[in-house]
Amino acid sequence: SAGFAFSADRRRWGEFSAHLSSMPRPGSSVMLKVGGQP
């Protein structure tokens, strides 16, 4: 799952997070691509 978080105190305002389908390899990169932008 993925999405955006907003907190009432505005410390988090549009913070992106994703719960990944697989555990990433230690030390590897995870990339988000939106509209082709990494």
All heavy atoms as atom14 arrays in JSON, in Angstrom:
{
  "sequence": "SAGFAFSADRRRWGEFSAHLSSMPRPGSSVMLKVGGQP",
  "atom14_mask": [
    [1, 1, 1, 1, 1, 1, 0, 0, 0, 0, 0, 0, 0, 0],
    [1, 1, 1, 1, 1, 0, 0, 0, 0, 0, 0, 0, 0, 0],
    [1, 1, 1, 1, 0, 0, 0, 0, 0, 0, 0, 0, 0, 0],
    [1, 1, 1, 1, 1, 1, 1, 1, 1, 1, 1, 0, 0, 0],
    [1, 1, 1, 1, 1, 0, 0, 0, 0, 0, 0, 0, 0, 0],
    [1, 1, 1, 1, 1, 1, 1, 1, 1, 1, 1, 0, 0, 0],
    [1, 1, 1, 1, 1, 1, 0, 0, 0, 0, 0, 0, 0, 0],
    [1, 1, 1, 1, 1, 0, 0, 0, 0, 0, 0, 0, 0, 0],
    [1, 1, 1, 1, 1, 1, 1, 1, 0, 0, 0, 0, 0, 0],
    [1, 1, 1, 1, 1, 1, 1, 1, 1, 1, 1, 0, 0, 0],
    [1, 1, 1, 1, 1, 1, 1, 1, 1, 1, 1, 0, 0, 0],
    [1, 1, 1, 1, 1, 1, 1, 1, 1, 1, 1, 0, 0, 0],
    [1, 1, 1, 1, 1, 1, 1, 1, 1, 1, 1, 1, 1, 1],
    [1, 1, 1, 1, 0, 0, 0, 0, 0, 0, 0, 0, 0, 0],
    [1, 1, 1, 1, 1, 1, 1, 1, 1, 0, 0, 0, 0, 0],
    [1, 1, 1, 1, 1, 1, 1, 1, 1, 1, 1, 0, 0, 0],
    [1, 1, 1, 1, 1, 1, 0, 0, 0, 0, 0, 0, 0, 0],
    [1, 1, 1, 1, 1, 0, 0, 0, 0, 0, 0, 0, 0, 0],
    [1, 1, 1, 1, 1, 1, 1, 1, 1, 1, 0, 0, 0, 0],
    [1, 1, 1, 1, 1, 1, 1, 1, 0, 0, 0, 0, 0, 0],
    [1, 1, 1, 1, 1, 1, 0, 0, 0, 0, 0, 0, 0, 0],
    [1, 1, 1, 1, 1, 1, 0, 0, 0, 0, 0, 0, 0, 0],
    [1, 1, 1, 1, 1, 1, 1, 1, 0, 0, 0, 0, 0, 0],
    [1, 1, 1, 1, 1, 1, 1, 0, 0, 0, 0, 0, 0, 0],
    [1, 1, 1, 1, 1, 1, 1, 1, 1, 1, 1, 0, 0, 0],
    [1, 1, 1, 1, 1, 1, 1, 0, 0, 0, 0, 0, 0, 0],
    [1, 1, 1, 1, 0, 0, 0, 0, 0, 0, 0, 0, 0, 0],
    [1, 1, 1, 1, 1, 1, 0, 0, 0, 0, 0, 0, 0, 0],
    [1, 1, 1, 1, 1, 1, 0, 0, 0, 0, 0, 0, 0, 0],
    [1, 1, 1, 1, 1, 1, 1, 0, 0, 0, 0, 0, 0, 0],
    [1, 1, 1, 1, 1, 1, 1, 1, 0, 0, 0, 0, 0, 0],
    [1, 1, 1, 1, 1, 1, 1, 1, 0, 0, 0, 0, 0, 0],
    [1, 1, 1, 1, 1, 1, 1, 1, 1, 0, 0, 0, 0, 0],
    [1, 1, 1, 1, 1, 1, 1, 0, 0, 0, 0, 0, 0, 0],
    [1, 1, 1, 1, 0, 0, 0, 0, 0, 0, 0, 0, 0, 0],
    [1, 1, 1, 1, 0, 0, 0, 0, 0, 0, 0, 0, 0, 0],
    [1, 1, 1, 1, 1, 1, 1, 1, 1, 0, 0, 0, 0, 0],
    [1, 1, 1, 1, 1, 1, 1, 0, 0, 0, 0, 0, 0, 0]
  ],
  "atom14_positions": [
    [[0.86, -1.18, 0.0], [0.0, 0.0, 0.0], [0.9, 1.23, 0.0], [2.06, 1.16, 0.38], [-0.93, 0.02, 1.21], [-0.2, 0.15, 2.41], [0.0, 0.0, 0.0], [0.0, 0.0, 0.0], [0.0, 0.0, 0.0], [0.0, 0.0, 0.0], [0.0, 0.0, 0.0], [0.0, 0.0, 0.0], [0.0, 0.0, 0.0], [0.0, 0.0, 0.0]],
    [[0.35, 2.33, -0.45], [1.12, 3.58, -0.5], [0.17, 4.75, -0.33], [-1.04, 4.63, -0.59], [1.87, 3.7, -1.82], [0.0, 0.0, 0.0], [0.0, 0.0, 0.0], [0.0, 0.0, 0.0], [0.0, 0.0, 0.0], [0.0, 0.0, 0.0], [0.0, 0.0, 0.0], [0.0, 0.0, 0.0], [0.0, 0.0, 0.0], [0.0, 0.0, 0.0]],
    [[0.73, 5.87, 0.08], [-0.12, 7.05, 0.21], [0.58, 8.21, 0.88], [1.82, 8.24, 0.97], [0.0, 0.0, 0.0], [0.0, 0.0, 0.0], [0.0, 0.0, 0.0], [0.0, 0.0, 0.0], [0.0, 0.0, 0.0], [0.0, 0.0, 0.0], [0.0, 0.0, 0.0], [0.0, 0.0, 0.0], [0.0, 0.0, 0.0], [0.0, 0.0, 0.0]],
    [[-0.24, 9.14, 1.32], [0.23, 10.41, 1.85], [-0.37, 10.65, 3.22], [-1.57, 10.45, 3.41], [-0.17, 11.54, 0.89], [0.37, 11.33, -0.49], [-0.37, 10.65, -1.46], [1.64, 11.79, -0.82], [0.14, 10.45, -2.73], [2.16, 11.58, -2.09], [1.41, 10.92, -3.04], [0.0, 0.0, 0.0], [0.0, 0.0, 0.0], [0.0, 0.0, 0.0]],
    [[0.46, 11.11, 4.17], [0.01, 11.34, 5.54], [-0.01, 12.83, 5.87], [0.85, 13.59, 5.42], [0.94, 10.62, 6.51], [0.0, 0.0, 0.0], [0.0, 0.0, 0.0], [0.0, 0.0, 0.0], [0.0, 0.0, 0.0], [0.0, 0.0, 0.0], [0.0, 0.0, 0.0], [0.0, 0.0, 0.0], [0.0, 0.0, 0.0], [0.0, 0.0, 0.0]],
    [[-1.0, 13.2, 6.66], [-1.17, 14.57, 7.13], [-1.44, 14.5, 8.63], [-2.27, 13.71, 9.06], [-2.37, 15.23, 6.44], [-2.25, 15.25, 4.95], [-2.69, 14.18, 4.19], [-1.66, 16.33, 4.3], [-2.57, 14.18, 2.81], [-1.54, 16.34, 2.92], [-1.99, 15.26, 2.17], [0.0, 0.0, 0.0], [0.0, 0.0, 0.0], [0.0, 0.0, 0.0]],
    [[-0.74, 15.3, 9.42], [-1.0, 15.31, 10.85], [-1.61, 16.66, 11.25], [-1.34, 17.69, 10.62], [0.28, 15.05, 11.65], [1.24, 16.05, 11.41], [0.0, 0.0, 0.0], [0.0, 0.0, 0.0], [0.0, 0.0, 0.0], [0.0, 0.0, 0.0], [0.0, 0.0, 0.0], [0.0, 0.0, 0.0], [0.0, 0.0, 0.0], [0.0, 0.0, 0.0]],
    [[-2.42, 16.62, 12.29], [-3.1, 17.84, 12.74], [-2.1, 18.92, 13.15], [-2.38, 20.1, 13.0], [-4.05, 17.51, 13.9], [0.0, 0.0, 0.0], [0.0, 0.0, 0.0], [0.0, 0.0, 0.0], [0.0, 0.0, 0.0], [0.0, 0.0, 0.0], [0.0, 0.0, 0.0], [0.0, 0.0, 0.0], [0.0, 0.0, 0.0], [0.0, 0.0, 0.0]],
    [[-0.92, 18.52, 13.63], [0.09, 19.51, 14.02], [0.96, 19.97, 12.84], [1.86, 20.76, 13.02], [0.98, 18.97, 15.14], [1.79, 17.75, 14.74], [1.8, 17.38, 13.53], [2.41, 17.14, 15.63], [0.0, 0.0, 0.0], [0.0, 0.0, 0.0], [0.0, 0.0, 0.0], [0.0, 0.0, 0.0], [0.0, 0.0, 0.0], [0.0, 0.0, 0.0]],
    [[0.66, 19.46, 11.65], [1.34, 19.8, 10.39], [2.81, 19.37, 10.34], [3.53, 19.77, 9.44], [1.2, 21.29, 10.07], [-0.24, 21.66, 9.75], [-0.4, 23.09, 9.31], [0.06, 23.36, 7.97], [-0.67, 23.28, 6.86], [-1.9, 22.88, 6.95], [-0.17, 23.6, 5.7], [0.0, 0.0, 0.0], [0.0, 0.0, 0.0], [0.0, 0.0, 0.0]],
    [[3.27, 18.55, 11.26], [4.64, 18.04, 11.18], [4.79, 17.08, 10.01], [5.86, 16.93, 9.47], [5.03, 17.36, 12.49], [5.25, 18.35, 13.6], [5.75, 17.7, 14.83], [5.88, 18.71, 15.87], [6.06, 18.45, 17.12], [6.16, 17.2, 17.53], [6.15, 19.43, 18.0], [0.0, 0.0, 0.0], [0.0, 0.0, 0.0], [0.0, 0.0, 0.0]],
    [[3.7, 16.43, 9.67], [3.65, 15.58, 8.48], [2.56, 16.18, 7.61], [1.39, 16.15, 7.97], [3.31, 14.14, 8.86], [4.37, 13.5, 9.73], [3.92, 12.18, 10.28], [3.91, 11.17, 9.25], [3.44, 9.94, 9.44], [2.93, 9.59, 10.6], [3.46, 9.06, 8.47], [0.0, 0.0, 0.0], [0.0, 0.0, 0.0], [0.0, 0.0, 0.0]],
    [[2.94, 16.68, 6.45], [1.94, 17.3, 5.57], [2.21, 16.85, 4.15], [2.99, 17.44, 3.43], [1.94, 18.82, 5.69], [0.64, 19.38, 5.23], [0.38, 20.01, 4.05], [-0.61, 19.3, 5.92], [-0.95, 20.32, 3.96], [-1.58, 19.91, 5.1], [-1.0, 18.77, 7.15], [-2.91, 20.0, 5.46], [-2.34, 18.87, 7.5], [-3.27, 19.48, 6.67]],
    [[1.59, 15.73, 3.77], [1.8, 15.18, 2.45], [2.96, 14.21, 2.39], [3.47, 13.9, 1.32], [0.0, 0.0, 0.0], [0.0, 0.0, 0.0], [0.0, 0.0, 0.0], [0.0, 0.0, 0.0], [0.0, 0.0, 0.0], [0.0, 0.0, 0.0], [0.0, 0.0, 0.0], [0.0, 0.0, 0.0], [0.0, 0.0, 0.0], [0.0, 0.0, 0.0]],
    [[3.39, 13.68, 3.54], [4.52, 12.75, 3.58], [4.13, 11.45, 2.88], [3.14, 10.81, 3.21], [4.91, 12.45, 5.02], [6.04, 11.45, 5.13], [6.33, 11.06, 6.56], [5.43, 10.5, 7.22], [7.44, 11.37, 7.02], [0.0, 0.0, 0.0], [0.0, 0.0, 0.0], [0.0, 0.0, 0.0], [0.0, 0.0, 0.0], [0.0, 0.0, 0.0]],
    [[4.95, 11.05, 1.9], [4.7, 9.81, 1.16], [5.28, 8.63, 1.94], [6.38, 8.7, 2.48], [5.36, 9.86, -0.23], [5.21, 8.57, -0.97], [4.04, 8.29, -1.65], [6.22, 7.63, -0.96], [3.87, 7.08, -2.3], [6.07, 6.42, -1.61], [4.89, 6.14, -2.29], [0.0, 0.0, 0.0], [0.0, 0.0, 0.0], [0.0, 0.0, 0.0]],
    [[4.53, 7.54, 1.98], [5.05, 6.28, 2.54], [4.48, 5.12, 1.74], [3.43, 5.22, 1.11], [4.67, 6.13, 4.02], [3.28, 5.97, 4.16], [0.0, 0.0, 0.0], [0.0, 0.0, 0.0], [0.0, 0.0, 0.0], [0.0, 0.0, 0.0], [0.0, 0.0, 0.0], [0.0, 0.0, 0.0], [0.0, 0.0, 0.0], [0.0, 0.0, 0.0]],
    [[5.22, 4.01, 1.78], [4.78, 2.8, 1.09], [5.11, 1.58, 1.95], [6.22, 1.48, 2.47], [5.45, 2.67, -0.27], [0.0, 0.0, 0.0], [0.0, 0.0, 0.0], [0.0, 0.0, 0.0], [0.0, 0.0, 0.0], [0.0, 0.0, 0.0], [0.0, 0.0, 0.0], [0.0, 0.0, 0.0], [0.0, 0.0, 0.0], [0.0, 0.0, 0.0]],
    [[4.14, 0.71, 2.11], [4.39, -0.59, 2.72], [4.69, -1.52, 1.55], [3.84, -1.73, 0.68], [3.15, -1.06, 3.5], [3.43, -2.19, 4.42], [2.46, -2.81, 5.13], [4.58, -2.82, 4.75], [2.98, -3.76, 5.87], [4.27, -3.79, 5.64], [0.0, 0.0, 0.0], [0.0, 0.0, 0.0], [0.0, 0.0, 0.0], [0.0, 0.0, 0.0]],
    [[5.9, -2.02, 1.5], [6.4, -2.75, 0.33], [5.91, -4.19, 0.3], [5.73, -4.82, 1.35], [7.93, -2.71, 0.33], [8.55, -1.31, 0.45], [10.05, -1.41, 0.66], [8.2, -0.47, -0.76], [0.0, 0.0, 0.0], [0.0, 0.0, 0.0], [0.0, 0.0, 0.0], [0.0, 0.0, 0.0], [0.0, 0.0, 0.0], [0.0, 0.0, 0.0]],
    [[5.76, -4.73, -0.91], [5.32, -6.11, -1.06], [6.42, -7.1, -0.71], [6.14, -8.27, -0.43], [4.85, -6.36, -2.5], [5.92, -6.15, -3.41], [0.0, 0.0, 0.0], [0.0, 0.0, 0.0], [0.0, 0.0, 0.0], [0.0, 0.0, 0.0], [0.0, 0.0, 0.0], [0.0, 0.0, 0.0], [0.0, 0.0, 0.0], [0.0, 0.0, 0.0]],
    [[7.67, -6.66, -0.72], [8.81, -7.52, -0.4], [9.78, -6.77, 0.49], [9.88, -5.55, 0.41], [9.55, -7.94, -1.68], [8.72, -8.71, -2.5], [0.0, 0.0, 0.0], [0.0, 0.0, 0.0], [0.0, 0.0, 0.0], [0.0, 0.0, 0.0], [0.0, 0.0, 0.0], [0.0, 0.0, 0.0], [0.0, 0.0, 0.0], [0.0, 0.0, 0.0]],
    [[10.51, -7.5, 1.3], [11.55, -6.91, 2.13], [12.74, -6.61, 1.22], [13.27, -7.5, 0.57], [11.97, -7.88, 3.22], [12.99, -7.32, 4.17], [12.34, -6.06, 5.27], [11.38, -7.05, 6.38], [0.0, 0.0, 0.0], [0.0, 0.0, 0.0], [0.0, 0.0, 0.0], [0.0, 0.0, 0.0], [0.0, 0.0, 0.0], [0.0, 0.0, 0.0]],
    [[13.16, -5.34, 1.15], [14.28, -5.0, 0.27], [15.59, -5.61, 0.75], [15.78, -5.83, 1.95], [14.36, -3.48, 0.34], [13.11, -3.03, 0.96], [12.58, -4.16, 1.77], [0.0, 0.0, 0.0], [0.0, 0.0, 0.0], [0.0, 0.0, 0.0], [0.0, 0.0, 0.0], [0.0, 0.0, 0.0], [0.0, 0.0, 0.0], [0.0, 0.0, 0.0]],
    [[16.46, -5.86, -0.2], [17.81, -6.35, 0.11], [18.5, -5.29, 0.96], [18.42, -4.1, 0.65], [18.57, -6.56, -1.2], [20.03, -6.9, -1.01], [20.75, -6.86, -2.31], [20.48, -8.11, -3.01], [20.96, -8.4, -4.2], [21.7, -7.53, -4.85], [20.68, -9.54, -4.76], [0.0, 0.0, 0.0], [0.0, 0.0, 0.0], [0.0, 0.0, 0.0]],
    [[19.17, -5.68, 2.04], [19.88, -4.7, 2.86], [20.86, -3.87, 2.02], [21.6, -4.41, 1.2], [20.64, -5.56, 3.88], [19.83, -6.83, 3.96], [19.3, -7.04, 2.57], [0.0, 0.0, 0.0], [0.0, 0.0, 0.0], [0.0, 0.0, 0.0], [0.0, 0.0, 0.0], [0.0, 0.0, 0.0], [0.0, 0.0, 0.0], [0.0, 0.0, 0.0]],
    [[20.81, -2.57, 2.23], [21.7, -1.66, 1.52], [21.26, -1.3, 0.11], [21.9, -0.48, -0.54], [0.0, 0.0, 0.0], [0.0, 0.0, 0.0], [0.0, 0.0, 0.0], [0.0, 0.0, 0.0], [0.0, 0.0, 0.0], [0.0, 0.0, 0.0], [0.0, 0.0, 0.0], [0.0, 0.0, 0.0], [0.0, 0.0, 0.0], [0.0, 0.0, 0.0]],
    [[20.17, -1.89, -0.37], [19.72, -1.58, -1.73], [18.81, -0.36, -1.72], [18.31, 0.06, -0.68], [18.99, -2.77, -2.36], [17.78, -3.03, -1.7], [0.0, 0.0, 0.0], [0.0, 0.0, 0.0], [0.0, 0.0, 0.0], [0.0, 0.0, 0.0], [0.0, 0.0, 0.0], [0.0, 0.0, 0.0], [0.0, 0.0, 0.0], [0.0, 0.0, 0.0]],
    [[18.61, 0.21, -2.89], [17.76, 1.4, -3.04], [16.33, 0.99, -3.37], [16.1, -0.03, -4.01], [18.28, 2.27, -4.19], [19.58, 2.71, -3.91], [0.0, 0.0, 0.0], [0.0, 0.0, 0.0], [0.0, 0.0, 0.0], [0.0, 0.0, 0.0], [0.0, 0.0, 0.0], [0.0, 0.0, 0.0], [0.0, 0.0, 0.0], [0.0, 0.0, 0.0]],
    [[15.41, 1.8, -2.92], [14.01, 1.67, -3.32], [13.64, 2.98, -3.98], [13.89, 4.06, -3.43], [13.1, 1.37, -2.11], [11.63, 1.42, -2.5], [13.43, 0.0, -1.52], [0.0, 0.0, 0.0], [0.0, 0.0, 0.0], [0.0, 0.0, 0.0], [0.0, 0.0, 0.0], [0.0, 0.0, 0.0], [0.0, 0.0, 0.0], [0.0, 0.0, 0.0]],
    [[13.08, 2.88, -5.18], [12.75, 4.06, -5.97], [11.24, 4.16, -6.16], [10.58, 3.15, -6.37], [13.4, 3.98, -7.35], [14.91, 3.94, -7.35], [15.67, 5.44, -6.79], [15.26, 6.54, -8.12], [0.0, 0.0, 0.0], [0.0, 0.0, 0.0], [0.0, 0.0, 0.0], [0.0, 0.0, 0.0], [0.0, 0.0, 0.0], [0.0, 0.0, 0.0]],
    [[10.77, 5.38, -6.1], [9.39, 5.7, -6.46], [9.46, 6.4, -7.8], [10.29, 7.29, -7.99], [8.78, 6.63, -5.41], [7.45, 7.3, -5.77], [6.33, 6.26, -5.87], [7.11, 8.37, -4.75], [0.0, 0.0, 0.0], [0.0, 0.0, 0.0], [0.0, 0.0, 0.0], [0.0, 0.0, 0.0], [0.0, 0.0, 0.0], [0.0, 0.0, 0.0]],
    [[8.59, 6.01, -8.73], [8.47, 6.72, -10.0], [7.03, 7.2, -10.13], [6.1, 6.42, -10.06], [8.85, 5.83, -11.18], [10.32, 5.5, -11.21], [10.69, 4.71, -12.43], [12.18, 4.36, -12.4], [12.53, 3.48, -13.5], [0.0, 0.0, 0.0], [0.0, 0.0, 0.0], [0.0, 0.0, 0.0], [0.0, 0.0, 0.0], [0.0, 0.0, 0.0]],
    [[6.9, 8.51, -10.31], [5.59, 9.12, -10.49], [5.67, 9.94, -11.77], [6.51, 10.84, -11.87], [5.19, 10.03, -9.31], [3.75, 10.5, -9.47], [5.38, 9.34, -7.99], [0.0, 0.0, 0.0], [0.0, 0.0, 0.0], [0.0, 0.0, 0.0], [0.0, 0.0, 0.0], [0.0, 0.0, 0.0], [0.0, 0.0, 0.0], [0.0, 0.0, 0.0]],
    [[4.82, 9.61, -12.74], [4.87, 10.33, -14.01], [6.25, 10.25, -14.65], [6.68, 11.2, -15.29], [0.0, 0.0, 0.0], [0.0, 0.0, 0.0], [0.0, 0.0, 0.0], [0.0, 0.0, 0.0], [0.0, 0.0, 0.0], [0.0, 0.0, 0.0], [0.0, 0.0, 0.0], [0.0, 0.0, 0.0], [0.0, 0.0, 0.0], [0.0, 0.0, 0.0]],
    [[6.96, 9.15, -14.45], [8.29, 8.97, -15.02], [9.41, 9.63, -14.22], [10.58, 9.42, -14.49], [0.0, 0.0, 0.0], [0.0, 0.0, 0.0], [0.0, 0.0, 0.0], [0.0, 0.0, 0.0], [0.0, 0.0, 0.0], [0.0, 0.0, 0.0], [0.0, 0.0, 0.0], [0.0, 0.0, 0.0], [0.0, 0.0, 0.0], [0.0, 0.0, 0.0]],
    [[9.07, 10.42, -13.22], [10.07, 11.11, -12.39], [10.49, 10.2, -11.23], [9.65, 9.76, -10.46], [9.46, 12.41, -11.84], [10.36, 13.18, -10.92], [11.5, 13.86, -11.65], [11.33, 14.35, -12.76], [12.65, 13.88, -11.03], [0.0, 0.0, 0.0], [0.0, 0.0, 0.0], [0.0, 0.0, 0.0], [0.0, 0.0, 0.0], [0.0, 0.0, 0.0]],
    [[11.8, 9.9, -11.11], [12.25, 9.01, -10.03], [12.54, 9.76, -8.72], [13.0, 10.91, -8.74], [13.53, 8.41, -10.59], [14.07, 9.48, -11.48], [12.88, 10.19, -12.05], [0.0, 0.0, 0.0], [0.0, 0.0, 0.0], [0.0, 0.0, 0.0], [0.0, 0.0, 0.0], [0.0, 0.0, 0.0], [0.0, 0.0, 0.0], [0.0, 0.0, 0.0]]
  ]
}
